[in-house]
């Protein structure tokens, strides 16, 4: 981070010391921006490499699946689909009664 602060300091010094030195101060600004982007990209890479997800703490064994979890997943999906169809048929029946079709 000291490189970034040095670049910012050089921008301030360049802008104060030169009255017409617009070109030099913009070059320093570009250098500071590049330095910040390098620091941020390194920080992101280090942060991602140093952390792991709590959900993938161990590799799953695909040879022997957990049949309880599989059954619960499929059972829950079937239950939700059943509720969806029941609600749909109820809604269609209410619509037909309201419109006088039945």
C-alpha atoms as a PDB file:
ATOM      1  CA  UNK A   1       0.000   0.000   0.000  1.00  0.00           C
ATOM      2  CA  UNK A   2       2.944   2.305   0.442  1.00  0.00           C
ATOM      3  CA  UNK A   3       3.311   2.465  -3.358  1.00  0.00           C
ATOM      4  CA  UNK A   4      -0.222   3.775  -3.641  1.00  0.00           C
ATOM      5  CA  UNK A   5       0.339   6.410  -1.006  1.00  0.00           C
ATOM      6  CA  UNK A   6       3.599   7.443  -2.655  1.00  0.00           C
ATOM      7  CA  UNK A   7       1.798   7.788  -5.973  1.00  0.00           C
ATOM      8  CA  UNK A   8      -0.898   9.950  -4.365  1.00  0.00           C
ATOM      9  CA  UNK A   9       1.773  12.021  -2.670  1.00  0.00           C
ATOM     10  CA  UNK A  10       3.554  12.535  -5.992  1.00  0.00           C
ATOM     11  CA  UNK A  11       0.269  13.699  -7.515  1.00  0.00           C
ATOM     12  CA  UNK A  12      -0.156  16.283  -4.782  1.00  0.00           C
ATOM     13  CA  UNK A  13       3.458  17.448  -5.050  1.00  0.00           C
ATOM     14  CA  UNK A  14       3.306  17.619  -8.849  1.00  0.00           C
ATOM     15  CA  UNK A  15       0.085  19.622  -8.841  1.00  0.00           C
ATOM     16  CA  UNK A  16       1.400  22.075  -6.233  1.00  0.00           C
ATOM     17  CA  UNK A  17       4.907  22.540  -7.605  1.00  0.00           C
ATOM     18  CA  UNK A  18       4.056  23.047 -11.267  1.00  0.00           C
ATOM     19  CA  UNK A  19       1.619  25.714 -12.355  1.00  0.00           C
ATOM     20  CA  UNK A  20       1.212  24.446 -15.919  1.00  0.00           C
ATOM     21  CA  UNK A  21       2.191  20.837 -15.348  1.00  0.00           C
ATOM     22  CA  UNK A  22      -1.134  19.279 -16.266  1.00  0.00           C
ATOM     23  CA  UNK A  23       0.483  16.528 -18.319  1.00  0.00           C
ATOM     24  CA  UNK A  24       2.779  15.426 -15.509  1.00  0.00           C
ATOM     25  CA  UNK A  25      -0.015  15.399 -12.907  1.00  0.00           C
ATOM     26  CA  UNK A  26      -2.272  13.341 -15.184  1.00  0.00           C
ATOM     27  CA  UNK A  27       0.532  10.837 -15.687  1.00  0.00           C
ATOM     28  CA  UNK A  28       0.885  10.591 -11.922  1.00  0.00           C
ATOM     29  CA  UNK A  29      -2.874  10.147 -11.583  1.00  0.00           C
ATOM     30  CA  UNK A  30      -2.790   7.329 -14.119  1.00  0.00           C
ATOM     31  CA  UNK A  31       0.091   5.710 -12.197  1.00  0.00           C
ATOM     32  CA  UNK A  32      -1.851   5.999  -8.935  1.00  0.00           C
ATOM     33  CA  UNK A  33      -4.961   4.532 -10.517  1.00  0.00           C
ATOM     34  CA  UNK A  34      -2.980   1.625 -11.935  1.00  0.00           C
ATOM     35  CA  UNK A  35      -1.342   1.055  -8.576  1.00  0.00           C
ATOM     36  CA  UNK A  36      -4.717   1.000  -6.805  1.00  0.00           C
ATOM     37  CA  UNK A  37      -6.154  -1.423  -9.349  1.00  0.00           C
ATOM     38  CA  UNK A  38      -3.145  -3.716  -8.920  1.00  0.00           C
ATOM     39  CA  UNK A  39      -3.519  -3.634  -5.153  1.00  0.00           C
ATOM     40  CA  UNK A  40      -7.237  -4.338  -5.348  1.00  0.00           C
ATOM     41  CA  UNK A  41      -6.814  -7.190  -7.808  1.00  0.00           C
ATOM     42  CA  UNK A  42      -4.145  -8.765  -5.606  1.00  0.00           C
ATOM     43  CA  UNK A  43      -6.338  -8.357  -2.533  1.00  0.00           C
ATOM     44  CA  UNK A  44      -9.251 -10.035  -4.272  1.00  0.00           C
ATOM     45  CA  UNK A  45      -7.107 -12.951  -5.399  1.00  0.00           C
ATOM     46  CA  UNK A  46      -5.612 -13.407  -1.954  1.00  0.00           C
ATOM     47  CA  UNK A  47      -9.014 -13.114  -0.297  1.00  0.00           C
ATOM     48  CA  UNK A  48     -10.568 -15.746  -2.569  1.00  0.00           C
ATOM     49  CA  UNK A  49      -7.648 -18.101  -2.218  1.00  0.00           C
ATOM     50  CA  UNK A  50      -7.569 -17.806   1.561  1.00  0.00           C
ATOM     51  CA  UNK A  51     -11.227 -18.559   2.150  1.00  0.00           C
ATOM     52  CA  UNK A  52     -13.392 -21.575   1.517  1.00  0.00           C
ATOM     53  CA  UNK A  53     -17.074 -22.070   1.494  1.00  0.00           C
ATOM     54  CA  UNK A  54     -18.702 -23.660   4.538  1.00  0.00           C
ATOM     55  CA  UNK A  55     -20.873 -25.728   2.218  1.00  0.00           C
ATOM     56  CA  UNK A  56     -17.988 -27.482   0.472  1.00  0.00           C
ATOM     57  CA  UNK A  57     -15.806 -28.369   3.414  1.00  0.00           C
ATOM     58  CA  UNK A  58     -15.429 -31.961   2.221  1.00  0.00           C
ATOM     59  CA  UNK A  59     -15.838 -33.741  -1.074  1.00  0.00           C
ATOM     60  CA  UNK A  60     -19.051 -35.707  -1.403  1.00  0.00           C
ATOM     61  CA  UNK A  61     -18.826 -39.426  -2.042  1.00  0.00           C
ATOM     62  CA  UNK A  62     -20.762 -40.021  -5.256  1.00  0.00           C
ATOM     63  CA  UNK A  63     -20.351 -43.797  -5.045  1.00  0.00           C
ATOM     64  CA  UNK A  64     -22.626 -44.062  -1.988  1.00  0.00           C
ATOM     65  CA  UNK A  65     -25.225 -41.276  -1.871  1.00  0.00           C
ATOM     66  CA  UNK A  66     -27.099 -40.358   1.269  1.00  0.00           C
ATOM     67  CA  UNK A  67     -30.476 -41.902   0.431  1.00  0.00           C
ATOM     68  CA  UNK A  68     -32.245 -40.120   3.274  1.00  0.00           C
ATOM     69  CA  UNK A  69     -31.353 -36.729   1.834  1.00  0.00           C
ATOM     70  CA  UNK A  70     -32.225 -37.880  -1.687  1.00  0.00           C
ATOM     71  CA  UNK A  71     -35.617 -39.107  -0.495  1.00  0.00           C
ATOM     72  CA  UNK A  72     -36.281 -35.922   1.428  1.00  0.00           C
ATOM     73  CA  UNK A  73     -35.375 -33.798  -1.585  1.00  0.00           C
ATOM     74  CA  UNK A  74     -37.625 -35.697  -3.991  1.00  0.00           C
ATOM     75  CA  UNK A  75     -40.396 -36.021  -1.418  1.00  0.00           C
ATOM     76  CA  UNK A  76     -40.354 -32.289  -0.724  1.00  0.00           C
ATOM     77  CA  UNK A  77     -40.415 -31.501  -4.443  1.00  0.00           C
ATOM     78  CA  UNK A  78     -43.382 -33.865  -4.974  1.00  0.00           C
ATOM     79  CA  UNK A  79     -45.234 -32.336  -2.013  1.00  0.00           C
ATOM     80  CA  UNK A  80     -44.742 -28.800  -3.310  1.00  0.00           C
ATOM     81  CA  UNK A  81     -45.898 -29.797  -6.816  1.00  0.00           C
ATOM     82  CA  UNK A  82     -48.977 -31.420  -5.256  1.00  0.00           C
ATOM     83  CA  UNK A  83     -49.795 -28.208  -3.399  1.00  0.00           C
ATOM     84  CA  UNK A  84     -49.305 -26.243  -6.605  1.00  0.00           C
ATOM     85  CA  UNK A  85     -51.750 -28.423  -8.573  1.00  0.00           C
ATOM     86  CA  UNK A  86     -54.287 -28.362  -5.745  1.00  0.00           C
ATOM     87  CA  UNK A  87     -54.119 -24.559  -5.522  1.00  0.00           C
ATOM     88  CA  UNK A  88     -54.433 -24.264  -9.293  1.00  0.00           C
ATOM     89  CA  UNK A  89     -57.542 -26.440  -9.428  1.00  0.00           C
ATOM     90  CA  UNK A  90     -59.054 -24.452  -6.536  1.00  0.00           C
ATOM     91  CA  UNK A  91     -58.336 -21.184  -8.342  1.00  0.00           C
ATOM     92  CA  UNK A  92     -59.844 -22.488 -11.593  1.00  0.00           C
ATOM     93  CA  UNK A  93     -62.976 -23.646  -9.752  1.00  0.00           C
ATOM     94  CA  UNK A  94     -63.373 -20.225  -8.057  1.00  0.00           C
ATOM     95  CA  UNK A  95     -62.929 -18.514 -11.427  1.00  0.00           C
ATOM     96  CA  UNK A  96     -65.602 -20.653 -13.075  1.00  0.00           C
ATOM     97  CA  UNK A  97     -68.057 -20.050 -10.203  1.00  0.00           C
ATOM     98  CA  UNK A  98     -67.403 -16.290 -10.318  1.00  0.00           C
ATOM     99  CA  UNK A  99     -67.935 -16.092 -14.066  1.00  0.00           C
ATOM    100  CA  UNK A 100     -71.046 -18.274 -13.896  1.00  0.00           C
ATOM    101  CA  UNK A 101     -69.594 -21.061 -16.001  1.00  0.00           C
ATOM    102  CA  UNK A 102     -70.508 -23.773 -13.524  1.00  0.00           C
END
